[in-house]
PDB file of N, CA and C in Angstrom:
ATOM      1  N   MET A   1       0.862  -1.171   0.000  1.00  0.00           N
ATOM      2  CA  MET A   1       0.000   0.000   0.000  1.00  0.00           C
ATOM      3  C   MET A   1       0.903   1.228   0.000  1.00  0.00           C
ATOM      4  N   ALA A   2       0.567   2.200  -0.809  1.00  0.00           N
ATOM      5  CA  ALA A   2       1.346   3.437  -0.914  1.00  0.00           C
ATOM      6  C   ALA A   2       1.154   4.300   0.326  1.00  0.00           C
ATOM      7  N   ASN A   3       2.090   5.223   0.540  1.00  0.00           N
ATOM      8  CA  ASN A   3       1.939   6.193   1.621  1.00  0.00           C
ATOM      9  C   ASN A   3       0.735   7.071   1.342  1.00  0.00           C
ATOM     10  N   VAL A   4       0.200   7.681   2.404  1.00  0.00           N
ATOM     11  CA  VAL A   4      -0.994   8.507   2.250  1.00  0.00           C
ATOM     12  C   VAL A   4      -0.774   9.627   1.241  1.00  0.00           C
ATOM     13  N   HIS A   5       0.415  10.197   1.168  1.00  0.00           N
ATOM     14  CA  HIS A   5       0.640  11.284   0.219  1.00  0.00           C
ATOM     15  C   HIS A   5       0.596  10.816  -1.238  1.00  0.00           C
ATOM     16  N   ASP A   6       0.634   9.522  -1.462  1.00  0.00           N
ATOM     17  CA  ASP A   6       0.537   8.961  -2.805  1.00  0.00           C
ATOM     18  C   ASP A   6      -0.784   8.232  -3.017  1.00  0.00           C
ATOM     19  N   THR A   7      -1.773   8.535  -2.183  1.00  0.00           N
ATOM     20  CA  THR A   7      -2.982   7.726  -2.143  1.00  0.00           C
ATOM     21  C   THR A   7      -4.243   8.579  -2.135  1.00  0.00           C
ATOM     22  N   ALA A   8      -5.259   8.099  -2.826  1.00  0.00           N
ATOM     23  CA  ALA A   8      -6.586   8.719  -2.767  1.00  0.00           C
ATOM     24  C   ALA A   8      -7.387   8.008  -1.677  1.00  0.00           C
ATOM     25  N   VAL A   9      -8.111   8.768  -0.893  1.00  0.00           N
ATOM     26  CA  VAL A   9      -9.000   8.222   0.130  1.00  0.00           C
ATOM     27  C   VAL A   9     -10.386   8.796  -0.157  1.00  0.00           C
ATOM     28  N   ILE A  10     -11.296   7.933  -0.615  1.00  0.00           N
ATOM     29  CA  ILE A  10     -12.615   8.365  -1.064  1.00  0.00           C
ATOM     30  C   ILE A  10     -13.676   7.633  -0.245  1.00  0.00           C
ATOM     31  N   THR A  11     -14.668   8.372   0.240  1.00  0.00           N
ATOM     32  CA  THR A  11     -15.761   7.783   1.007  1.00  0.00           C
ATOM     33  C   THR A  11     -17.092   8.091   0.341  1.00  0.00           C
ATOM     34  N   SER A  12     -17.927   7.064   0.234  1.00  0.00           N
ATOM     35  CA  SER A  12     -19.323   7.229  -0.172  1.00  0.00           C
ATOM     36  C   SER A  12     -20.175   6.759   0.997  1.00  0.00           C
ATOM     37  N   GLY A  13     -21.288   7.439   1.222  1.00  0.00           N
ATOM     38  CA  GLY A  13     -22.144   7.035   2.326  1.00  0.00           C
ATOM     39  C   GLY A  13     -23.564   7.534   2.158  1.00  0.00           C
ATOM     40  N   ASN A  14     -24.445   6.932   2.951  1.00  0.00           N
ATOM     41  CA  ASN A  14     -25.844   7.349   2.923  1.00  0.00           C
ATOM     42  C   ASN A  14     -26.303   7.841   4.294  1.00  0.00           C
ATOM     43  N   TYR A  15     -25.366   8.204   5.142  1.00  0.00           N
ATOM     44  CA  TYR A  15     -25.684   8.634   6.500  1.00  0.00           C
ATOM     45  C   TYR A  15     -26.133  10.090   6.562  1.00  0.00           C
ATOM     46  N   GLU A  16     -25.901  10.864   5.501  1.00  0.00           N
ATOM     47  CA  GLU A  16     -26.339  12.266   5.481  1.00  0.00           C
ATOM     48  C   GLU A  16     -27.423  12.526   4.443  1.00  0.00           C
ATOM     49  N   ARG A  17     -27.341  11.866   3.314  1.00  0.00           N
ATOM     50  CA  ARG A  17     -28.264  12.154   2.211  1.00  0.00           C
ATOM     51  C   ARG A  17     -29.280  11.026   2.075  1.00  0.00           C
ATOM     52  N   PHE A  18     -30.418  11.207   2.698  1.00  0.00           N
ATOM     53  CA  PHE A  18     -31.510  10.245   2.616  1.00  0.00           C
ATOM     54  C   PHE A  18     -32.806  10.961   2.974  1.00  0.00           C
ATOM     55  N   LYS A  19     -33.902  10.322   2.679  1.00  0.00           N
ATOM     56  CA  LYS A  19     -35.225  10.832   3.042  1.00  0.00           C
ATOM     57  C   LYS A  19     -35.975   9.731   3.772  1.00  0.00           C
ATOM     58  N   VAL A  20     -36.809  10.115   4.722  1.00  0.00           N
ATOM     59  CA  VAL A  20     -37.707   9.181   5.379  1.00  0.00           C
ATOM     60  C   VAL A  20     -39.119   9.566   4.966  1.00  0.00           C
ATOM     61  N   ILE A  21     -39.797   8.627   4.314  1.00  0.00           N
ATOM     62  CA  ILE A  21     -41.163   8.848   3.852  1.00  0.00           C
ATOM     63  C   ILE A  21     -42.034   7.725   4.403  1.00  0.00           C
ATOM     64  N   ASP A  22     -43.062   8.097   5.134  1.00  0.00           N
ATOM     65  CA  ASP A  22     -43.951   7.115   5.760  1.00  0.00           C
ATOM     66  C   ASP A  22     -43.175   6.078   6.564  1.00  0.00           C
ATOM     67  N   GLY A  23     -42.144   6.528   7.272  1.00  0.00           N
ATOM     68  CA  GLY A  23     -41.361   5.651   8.131  1.00  0.00           C
ATOM     69  C   GLY A  23     -40.322   4.808   7.421  1.00  0.00           C
ATOM     70  N   LYS A  24     -40.224   4.905   6.098  1.00  0.00           N
ATOM     71  CA  LYS A  24     -39.234   4.131   5.355  1.00  0.00           C
ATOM     72  C   LYS A  24     -38.108   5.053   4.899  1.00  0.00           C
ATOM     73  N   ARG A  25     -36.882   4.584   5.099  1.00  0.00           N
ATOM     74  CA  ARG A  25     -35.700   5.365   4.740  1.00  0.00           C
ATOM     75  C   ARG A  25     -35.322   5.094   3.290  1.00  0.00           C
ATOM     76  N   TYR A  26     -35.113   6.163   2.519  1.00  0.00           N
ATOM     77  CA  TYR A  26     -34.716   6.070   1.120  1.00  0.00           C
ATOM     78  C   TYR A  26     -33.343   6.710   0.945  1.00  0.00           C
ATOM     79  N   SER A  27     -32.422   5.938   0.419  1.00  0.00           N
ATOM     80  CA  SER A  27     -31.060   6.389   0.154  1.00  0.00           C
ATOM     81  C   SER A  27     -31.008   7.175  -1.148  1.00  0.00           C
ATOM     82  N   HIS A  28     -29.935   7.948  -1.328  1.00  0.00           N
ATOM     83  CA  HIS A  28     -29.724   8.612  -2.616  1.00  0.00           C
ATOM     84  C   HIS A  28     -28.957   7.721  -3.590  1.00  0.00           C
ATOM     85  N   PHE A  29     -28.686   6.483  -3.185  1.00  0.00           N
ATOM     86  CA  PHE A  29     -28.074   5.496  -4.074  1.00  0.00           C
ATOM     87  C   PHE A  29     -29.187   4.646  -4.671  1.00  0.00           C
ATOM     88  N   PHE A  30     -29.148   4.439  -5.976  1.00  0.00           N
ATOM     89  CA  PHE A  30     -30.184   3.680  -6.663  1.00  0.00           C
ATOM     90  C   PHE A  30     -29.592   2.452  -7.331  1.00  0.00           C
ATOM     91  N   ASP A  31     -30.297   1.340  -7.214  1.00  0.00           N
ATOM     92  CA  ASP A  31     -29.899   0.101  -7.858  1.00  0.00           C
ATOM     93  C   ASP A  31     -30.153   0.242  -9.359  1.00  0.00           C
ATOM     94  N   PRO A  32     -29.113   0.145 -10.195  1.00  0.00           N
ATOM     95  CA  PRO A  32     -29.317   0.342 -11.632  1.00  0.00           C
ATOM     96  C   PRO A  32     -30.178  -0.750 -12.268  1.00  0.00           C
ATOM     97  N   LYS A  33     -30.297  -1.909 -11.620  1.00  0.00           N
ATOM     98  CA  LYS A  33     -31.116  -2.989 -12.164  1.00  0.00           C
ATOM     99  C   LYS A  33     -32.602  -2.733 -11.941  1.00  0.00           C
ATOM    100  N   THR A  34     -32.934  -2.158 -10.795  1.00  0.00           N
ATOM    101  CA  THR A  34     -34.343  -1.991 -10.437  1.00  0.00           C
ATOM    102  C   THR A  34     -34.818  -0.544 -10.503  1.00  0.00           C
ATOM    103  N   GLY A  35     -33.879   0.396 -10.423  1.00  0.00           N
ATOM    104  CA  GLY A  35     -34.244   1.808 -10.365  1.00  0.00           C
ATOM    105  C   GLY A  35     -34.743   2.234  -8.990  1.00  0.00           C
ATOM    106  N   GLU A  36     -34.718   1.313  -8.042  1.00  0.00           N
ATOM    107  CA  GLU A  36     -35.189   1.576  -6.681  1.00  0.00           C
ATOM    108  C   GLU A  36     -34.045   2.071  -5.803  1.00  0.00           C
ATOM    109  N   SER A  37     -34.394   2.812  -4.772  1.00  0.00           N
ATOM    110  CA  SER A  37     -33.425   3.248  -3.768  1.00  0.00           C
ATOM    111  C   SER A  37     -32.843   2.021  -3.069  1.00  0.00           C
ATOM    112  N   VAL A  38     -31.541   2.031  -2.850  1.00  0.00           N
ATOM    113  CA  VAL A  38     -30.880   0.915  -2.168  1.00  0.00           C
ATOM    114  C   VAL A  38     -31.201   0.988  -0.686  1.00  0.00           C
ATOM    115  N   ASN A  39     -31.661  -0.118  -0.136  1.00  0.00           N
ATOM    116  CA  ASN A  39     -31.973  -0.205   1.284  1.00  0.00           C
ATOM    117  C   ASN A  39     -31.048  -1.254   1.896  1.00  0.00           C
ATOM    118  N   SER A  40     -30.059  -0.805   2.673  1.00  0.00           N
ATOM    119  CA  SER A  40     -29.139  -1.753   3.300  1.00  0.00           C
ATOM    120  C   SER A  40     -28.669  -1.207   4.641  1.00  0.00           C
ATOM    121  N   ASP A  41     -27.953  -2.046   5.372  1.00  0.00           N
ATOM    122  CA  ASP A  41     -27.397  -1.656   6.663  1.00  0.00           C
ATOM    123  C   ASP A  41     -26.079  -0.908   6.503  1.00  0.00           C
ATOM    124  N   LEU A  42     -25.573  -0.828   5.291  1.00  0.00           N
ATOM    125  CA  LEU A  42     -24.297  -0.173   5.022  1.00  0.00           C
ATOM    126  C   LEU A  42     -24.449   1.343   5.111  1.00  0.00           C
ATOM    127  N   LEU A  43     -23.612   1.970   5.941  1.00  0.00           N
ATOM    128  CA  LEU A  43     -23.652   3.422   6.114  1.00  0.00           C
ATOM    129  C   LEU A  43     -22.613   4.129   5.257  1.00  0.00           C
ATOM    130  N   SER A  44     -21.409   3.525   5.141  1.00  0.00           N
ATOM    131  CA  SER A  44     -20.377   4.150   4.321  1.00  0.00           C
ATOM    132  C   SER A  44     -19.325   3.137   3.894  1.00  0.00           C
ATOM    133  N   VAL A  45     -18.660   3.491   2.804  1.00  0.00           N
ATOM    134  CA  VAL A  45     -17.531   2.717   2.296  1.00  0.00           C
ATOM    135  C   VAL A  45     -16.414   3.705   2.013  1.00  0.00           C
ATOM    136  N   THR A  46     -15.226   3.411   2.537  1.00  0.00           N
ATOM    137  CA  THR A  46     -14.048   4.213   2.242  1.00  0.00           C
ATOM    138  C   THR A  46     -13.077   3.341   1.469  1.00  0.00           C
ATOM    139  N   ILE A  47     -12.580   3.870   0.361  1.00  0.00           N
ATOM    140  CA  ILE A  47     -11.620   3.153  -0.480  1.00  0.00           C
ATOM    141  C   ILE A  47     -10.303   3.914  -0.454  1.00  0.00           C
ATOM    142  N   ILE A  48      -9.205   3.166  -0.306  1.00  0.00           N
ATOM    143  CA  ILE A  48      -7.866   3.737  -0.268  1.00  0.00           C
ATOM    144  C   ILE A  48      -7.045   3.085  -1.373  1.00  0.00           C
ATOM    145  N   THR A  49      -6.608   3.888  -2.340  1.00  0.00           N
ATOM    146  CA  THR A  49      -5.825   3.389  -3.464  1.00  0.00           C
ATOM    147  C   THR A  49      -5.180   4.588  -4.172  1.00  0.00           C
ATOM    148  N   PRO A  50      -4.070   4.397  -4.863  1.00  0.00           N
ATOM    149  CA  PRO A  50      -3.443   5.520  -5.564  1.00  0.00           C
ATOM    150  C   PRO A  50      -4.291   6.120  -6.693  1.00  0.00           C
ATOM    151  N   ASP A  51      -5.249   5.381  -7.212  1.00  0.00           N
ATOM    152  CA  ASP A  51      -6.060   5.830  -8.342  1.00  0.00           C
ATOM    153  C   ASP A  51      -7.387   6.410  -7.838  1.00  0.00           C
ATOM    154  N   GLY A  52      -7.505   7.732  -7.856  1.00  0.00           N
ATOM    155  CA  GLY A  52      -8.691   8.401  -7.334  1.00  0.00           C
ATOM    156  C   GLY A  52      -9.964   8.046  -8.076  1.00  0.00           C
ATOM    157  N   ALA A  53      -9.877   7.891  -9.400  1.00  0.00           N
ATOM    158  CA  ALA A  53     -11.064   7.531 -10.178  1.00  0.00           C
ATOM    159  C   ALA A  53     -11.542   6.129  -9.811  1.00  0.00           C
ATOM    160  N   LEU A  54     -10.604   5.209  -9.641  1.00  0.00           N
ATOM    161  CA  LEU A  54     -10.955   3.853  -9.225  1.00  0.00           C
ATOM    162  C   LEU A  54     -11.598   3.882  -7.840  1.00  0.00           C
ATOM    163  N   ALA A  55     -11.006   4.638  -6.932  1.00  0.00           N
ATOM    164  CA  ALA A  55     -11.546   4.731  -5.565  1.00  0.00           C
ATOM    165  C   ALA A  55     -12.971   5.262  -5.576  1.00  0.00           C
ATOM    166  N   ASP A  56     -13.224   6.305  -6.344  1.00  0.00           N
ATOM    167  CA  ASP A  56     -14.557   6.892  -6.419  1.00  0.00           C
ATOM    168  C   ASP A  56     -15.562   5.893  -6.986  1.00  0.00           C
ATOM    169  N   GLY A  57     -15.187   5.225  -8.056  1.00  0.00           N
ATOM    170  CA  GLY A  57     -16.081   4.243  -8.666  1.00  0.00           C
ATOM    171  C   GLY A  57     -16.388   3.078  -7.746  1.00  0.00           C
ATOM    172  N   LEU A  58     -15.348   2.556  -7.083  1.00  0.00           N
ATOM    173  CA  LEU A  58     -15.561   1.427  -6.185  1.00  0.00           C
ATOM    174  C   LEU A  58     -16.406   1.817  -4.979  1.00  0.00           C
ATOM    175  N   ALA A  59     -16.146   2.979  -4.402  1.00  0.00           N
ATOM    176  CA  ALA A  59     -16.912   3.408  -3.223  1.00  0.00           C
ATOM    177  C   ALA A  59     -18.400   3.500  -3.563  1.00  0.00           C
ATOM    178  N   THR A  60     -18.717   4.063  -4.702  1.00  0.00           N
ATOM    179  CA  THR A  60     -20.128   4.170  -5.112  1.00  0.00           C
ATOM    180  C   THR A  60     -20.701   2.792  -5.437  1.00  0.00           C
ATOM    181  N   ALA A  61     -19.965   1.990  -6.185  1.00  0.00           N
ATOM    182  CA  ALA A  61     -20.448   0.649  -6.551  1.00  0.00           C
ATOM    183  C   ALA A  61     -20.695  -0.206  -5.317  1.00  0.00           C
ATOM    184  N   PHE A  62     -19.802  -0.122  -4.339  1.00  0.00           N
ATOM    185  CA  PHE A  62     -19.958  -0.940  -3.141  1.00  0.00           C
ATOM    186  C   PHE A  62     -21.131  -0.491  -2.278  1.00  0.00           C
ATOM    187  N   MET A  63     -21.545   0.767  -2.400  1.00  0.00           N
ATOM    188  CA  MET A  63     -22.741   1.224  -1.686  1.00  0.00           C
ATOM    189  C   MET A  63     -24.002   0.601  -2.295  1.00  0.00           C
ATOM    190  N   ILE A  64     -23.906   0.171  -3.543  1.00  0.00           N
ATOM    191  CA  ILE A  64     -25.066  -0.369  -4.247  1.00  0.00           C
ATOM    192  C   ILE A  64     -25.133  -1.886  -4.165  1.00  0.00           C
ATOM    193  N   THR A  65     -23.985  -2.528  -4.155  1.00  0.00           N
ATOM    194  CA  THR A  65     -23.959  -3.991  -4.186  1.00  0.00           C
ATOM    195  C   THR A  65     -23.912  -4.577  -2.773  1.00  0.00           C
ATOM    196  N   ASP A  66     -24.046  -5.886  -2.669  1.00  0.00           N
ATOM    197  CA  ASP A  66     -23.997  -6.531  -1.358  1.00  0.00           C
ATOM    198  C   ASP A  66     -22.550  -6.739  -0.914  1.00  0.00           C
ATOM    199  N   MET A  67     -22.369  -6.942   0.372  1.00  0.00           N
ATOM    200  CA  MET A  67     -21.031  -7.050   0.967  1.00  0.00           C
ATOM    201  C   MET A  67     -20.247  -8.237   0.408  1.00  0.00           C
ATOM    202  N   ASP A  68     -20.885  -9.376   0.182  1.00  0.00           N
ATOM    203  CA  ASP A  68     -20.171 -10.543  -0.341  1.00  0.00           C
ATOM    204  C   ASP A  68     -19.588 -10.251  -1.723  1.00  0.00           C
ATOM    205  N   THR A  69     -20.349  -9.589  -2.574  1.00  0.00           N
ATOM    206  CA  THR A  69     -19.849  -9.229  -3.907  1.00  0.00           C
ATOM    207  C   THR A  69     -18.700  -8.243  -3.792  1.00  0.00           C
ATOM    208  N   SER A  70     -18.836  -7.269  -2.914  1.00  0.00           N
ATOM    209  CA  SER A  70     -17.754  -6.295  -2.711  1.00  0.00           C
ATOM    210  C   SER A  70     -16.478  -6.989  -2.273  1.00  0.00           C
ATOM    211  N   LYS A  71     -16.590  -7.921  -1.349  1.00  0.00           N
ATOM    212  CA  LYS A  71     -15.407  -8.647  -0.865  1.00  0.00           C
ATOM    213  C   LYS A  71     -14.767  -9.468  -1.981  1.00  0.00           C
ATOM    214  N   ARG A  72     -15.576 -10.102  -2.818  1.00  0.00           N
ATOM    215  CA  ARG A  72     -15.036 -10.883  -3.938  1.00  0.00           C
ATOM    216  C   ARG A  72     -14.273  -9.982  -4.906  1.00  0.00           C
ATOM    217  N   ILE A  73     -14.825  -8.813  -5.189  1.00  0.00           N
ATOM    218  CA  ILE A  73     -14.148  -7.868  -6.079  1.00  0.00           C
ATOM    219  C   ILE A  73     -12.813  -7.435  -5.470  1.00  0.00           C
ATOM    220  N   LEU A  74     -12.820  -7.150  -4.178  1.00  0.00           N
ATOM    221  CA  LEU A  74     -11.600  -6.694  -3.502  1.00  0.00           C
ATOM    222  C   LEU A  74     -10.516  -7.767  -3.453  1.00  0.00           C
ATOM    223  N   GLN A  75     -10.896  -9.039  -3.455  1.00  0.00           N
ATOM    224  CA  GLN A  75      -9.897 -10.114  -3.480  1.00  0.00           C
ATOM    225  C   GLN A  75      -9.025 -10.017  -4.727  1.00  0.00           C
ATOM    226  N   GLY A  76      -9.575  -9.516  -5.811  1.00  0.00           N
ATOM    227  CA  GLY A  76      -8.814  -9.360  -7.053  1.00  0.00           C
ATOM    228  C   GLY A  76      -8.080  -8.030  -7.150  1.00  0.00           C
ATOM    229  N   LEU A  77      -8.180  -7.205  -6.115  1.00  0.00           N
ATOM    230  CA  LEU A  77      -7.532  -5.887  -6.092  1.00  0.00           C
ATOM    231  C   LEU A  77      -6.678  -5.752  -4.828  1.00  0.00           C
ATOM    232  N   PRO A  78      -5.542  -6.458  -4.754  1.00  0.00           N
ATOM    233  CA  PRO A  78      -4.767  -6.496  -3.511  1.00  0.00           C
ATOM    234  C   PRO A  78      -4.185  -5.153  -3.073  1.00  0.00           C
ATOM    235  N   ASP A  79      -4.081  -4.190  -3.980  1.00  0.00           N
ATOM    236  CA  ASP A  79      -3.536  -2.878  -3.612  1.00  0.00           C
ATOM    237  C   ASP A  79      -4.610  -1.883  -3.191  1.00  0.00           C
ATOM    238  N   VAL A  80      -5.849  -2.343  -3.120  1.00  0.00           N
ATOM    239  CA  VAL A  80      -6.955  -1.474  -2.726  1.00  0.00           C
ATOM    240  C   VAL A  80      -7.347  -1.800  -1.286  1.00  0.00           C
ATOM    241  N   GLY A  81      -7.398  -0.775  -0.452  1.00  0.00           N
ATOM    242  CA  GLY A  81      -7.881  -0.935   0.915  1.00  0.00           C
ATOM    243  C   GLY A  81      -9.323  -0.464   0.984  1.00  0.00           C
ATOM    244  N   ALA A  82     -10.101  -1.070   1.869  1.00  0.00           N
ATOM    245  CA  ALA A  82     -11.509  -0.684   1.994  1.00  0.00           C
ATOM    246  C   ALA A  82     -11.952  -0.799   3.449  1.00  0.00           C
ATOM    247  N   VAL A  83     -12.798   0.148   3.858  1.00  0.00           N
ATOM    248  CA  VAL A  83     -13.412   0.120   5.182  1.00  0.00           C
ATOM    249  C   VAL A  83     -14.920   0.256   4.979  1.00  0.00           C
ATOM    250  N   PHE A  84     -15.666  -0.706   5.508  1.00  0.00           N
ATOM    251  CA  PHE A  84     -17.127  -0.714   5.428  1.00  0.00           C
ATOM    252  C   PHE A  84     -17.685  -0.455   6.826  1.00  0.00           C
ATOM    253  N   ILE A  85     -18.524   0.558   6.948  1.00  0.00           N
ATOM    254  CA  ILE A  85     -19.183   0.838   8.214  1.00  0.00           C
ATOM    255  C   ILE A  85     -20.665   0.556   8.038  1.00  0.00           C
ATOM    256  N   THR A  86     -21.174  -0.361   8.859  1.00  0.00           N
ATOM    257  CA  THR A  86     -22.590  -0.704   8.822  1.00  0.00           C
ATOM    258  C   THR A  86     -23.226  -0.278  10.143  1.00  0.00           C
ATOM    259  N   GLN A  87     -24.511  -0.471  10.239  1.00  0.00           N
ATOM    260  CA  GLN A  87     -25.211  -0.179  11.485  1.00  0.00           C
ATOM    261  C   GLN A  87     -24.740  -1.093  12.601  1.00  0.00           C
ATOM    262  N   TYR A  88     -24.099  -2.214  12.238  1.00  0.00           N
ATOM    263  CA  TYR A  88     -23.738  -3.228  13.220  1.00  0.00           C
ATOM    264  C   TYR A  88     -22.252  -3.359  13.502  1.00  0.00           C
ATOM    265  N   GLY A  89     -21.412  -2.690  12.720  1.00  0.00           N
ATOM    266  CA  GLY A  89     -19.980  -2.810  12.960  1.00  0.00           C
ATOM    267  C   GLY A  89     -19.134  -2.306  11.806  1.00  0.00           C
ATOM    268  N   ILE A  90     -17.843  -2.571  11.918  1.00  0.00           N
ATOM    269  CA  ILE A  90     -16.869  -2.094  10.942  1.00  0.00           C
ATOM    270  C   ILE A  90     -16.078  -3.280  10.417  1.00  0.00           C
ATOM    271  N   SER A  91     -15.919  -3.342   9.094  1.00  0.00           N
ATOM    272  CA  SER A  91     -15.097  -4.356   8.436  1.00  0.00           C
ATOM    273  C   SER A  91     -14.090  -3.636   7.554  1.00  0.00           C
ATOM    274  N   ALA A  92     -12.896  -4.210   7.448  1.00  0.00           N
ATOM    275  CA  ALA A  92     -11.855  -3.609   6.610  1.00  0.00           C
ATOM    276  C   ALA A  92     -11.017  -4.705   5.976  1.00  0.00           C
ATOM    277  N   THR A  93     -10.380  -4.360   4.860  1.00  0.00           N
ATOM    278  CA  THR A  93      -9.507  -5.318   4.193  1.00  0.00           C
ATOM    279  C   THR A  93      -8.263  -5.569   5.047  1.00  0.00           C
ATOM    280  N   LYS A  94      -7.744  -6.791   4.932  1.00  0.00           N
ATOM    281  CA  LYS A  94      -6.571  -7.184   5.727  1.00  0.00           C
ATOM    282  C   LYS A  94      -5.375  -6.276   5.489  1.00  0.00           C
ATOM    283  N   ASN A  95      -5.235  -5.715   4.287  1.00  0.00           N
ATOM    284  CA  ASN A  95      -4.071  -4.876   4.015  1.00  0.00           C
ATOM    285  C   ASN A  95      -4.103  -3.564   4.793  1.00  0.00           C
ATOM    286  N   LEU A  96      -5.190  -3.279   5.499  1.00  0.00           N
ATOM    287  CA  LEU A  96      -5.258  -2.088   6.352  1.00  0.00           C
ATOM    288  C   LEU A  96      -5.029  -2.419   7.828  1.00  0.00           C
ATOM    289  N   GLU A  97      -4.940  -3.710   8.143  1.00  0.00           N
ATOM    290  CA  GLU A  97      -4.744  -4.109   9.542  1.00  0.00           C
ATOM    291  C   GLU A  97      -3.444  -3.492  10.070  1.00  0.00           C
ATOM    292  N   GLY A  98      -3.538  -2.849  11.208  1.00  0.00           N
ATOM    293  CA  GLY A  98      -2.392  -2.196  11.826  1.00  0.00           C
ATOM    294  C   GLY A  98      -2.179  -0.770  11.357  1.00  0.00           C
ATOM    295  N   THR A  99      -2.962  -0.306  10.389  1.00  0.00           N
ATOM    296  CA  THR A  99      -2.787   1.053   9.871  1.00  0.00           C
ATOM    297  C   THR A  99      -3.905   1.998  10.282  1.00  0.00           C
ATOM    298  N   ILE A 100      -5.009   1.456  10.763  1.00  0.00           N
ATOM    299  CA  ILE A 100      -6.152   2.291  11.140  1.00  0.00           C
ATOM    300  C   ILE A 100      -5.939   2.774  12.567  1.00  0.00           C
ATOM    301  N   THR A 101      -5.809   4.074  12.726  1.00  0.00           N
ATOM    302  CA  THR A 101      -5.584   4.626  14.059  1.00  0.00           C
ATOM    303  C   THR A 101      -6.787   5.462  14.485  1.00  0.00           C
ATOM    304  N   GLY A 102      -6.902   5.668  15.771  1.00  0.00           N
ATOM    305  CA  GLY A 102      -7.999   6.461  16.302  1.00  0.00           C
ATOM    306  C   GLY A 102      -9.263   5.654  16.502  1.00  0.00           C
ATOM    307  N   MET A 103      -9.209   4.365  16.188  1.00  0.00           N
ATOM    308  CA  MET A 103     -10.381   3.511  16.348  1.00  0.00           C
ATOM    309  C   MET A 103     -10.026   2.277  17.159  1.00  0.00           C
ATOM    310  N   GLU A 104      -9.073   2.434  18.058  1.00  0.00           N
ATOM    311  CA  GLU A 104      -8.584   1.291  18.821  1.00  0.00           C
ATOM    312  C   GLU A 104      -9.667   0.632  19.678  1.00  0.00           C
ATOM    313  N   ASN A 105     -10.673   1.391  20.097  1.00  0.00           N
ATOM    314  CA  ASN A 105     -11.740   0.834  20.928  1.00  0.00           C
ATOM    315  C   ASN A 105     -12.869   0.232  20.119  1.00  0.00           C
ATOM    316  N   GLN A 106     -12.751   0.273  18.812  1.00  0.00           N
ATOM    317  CA  GLN A 106     -13.779  -0.291  17.929  1.00  0.00           C
ATOM    318  C   GLN A 106     -13.422  -1.748  17.626  1.00  0.00           C
ATOM    319  N   ASN A 107     -14.440  -2.556  17.481  1.00  0.00           N
ATOM    320  CA  ASN A 107     -14.233  -3.939  17.099  1.00  0.00           C
ATOM    321  C   ASN A 107     -14.278  -4.032  15.568  1.00  0.00           C
ATOM    322  N   ILE A 108     -13.116  -3.985  14.945  1.00  0.00           N
ATOM    323  CA  ILE A 108     -13.028  -4.015  13.488  1.00  0.00           C
ATOM    324  C   ILE A 108     -12.708  -5.444  13.059  1.00  0.00           C
ATOM    325  N   SER A 109     -13.513  -5.981  12.151  1.00  0.00           N
ATOM    326  CA  SER A 109     -13.203  -7.303  11.613  1.00  0.00           C
ATOM    327  C   SER A 109     -12.490  -7.110  10.280  1.00  0.00           C
ATOM    328  N   PHE A 110     -11.403  -7.843  10.098  1.00  0.00           N
ATOM    329  CA  PHE A 110     -10.607  -7.748   8.867  1.00  0.00           C
ATOM    330  C   PHE A 110     -10.860  -8.966   8.003  1.00  0.00           C
ATOM    331  N   PHE A 111     -10.967  -8.745   6.713  1.00  0.00           N
ATOM    332  CA  PHE A 111     -11.206  -9.838   5.777  1.00  0.00           C
ATOM    333  C   PHE A 111     -10.195  -9.819   4.646  1.00  0.00           C
TER     334      PHE A 111
END
């Protein structure tokens, strides 16, 4: 993994931009297959990689797809780091283990 000065850090999330209508939460992310608002427990995805365009695309794509698919994609991208924050916890790629600071009291699972 490159040093931070050689790296793009991009986050996509639905924790600020959403609407609640009749008690149902609607994200500003839409599933391109259905045209419907994505409804998931995922709050944000942060991607760390030297390629800013790749980071932006992956962060948005991972907000739309399920976690298992995101993990499979990341297995083929060993130089890409990712942090997923859900309503239930935090997951990050193994290549970020030992590099995430300021979250020592959080239970982060690495994959």
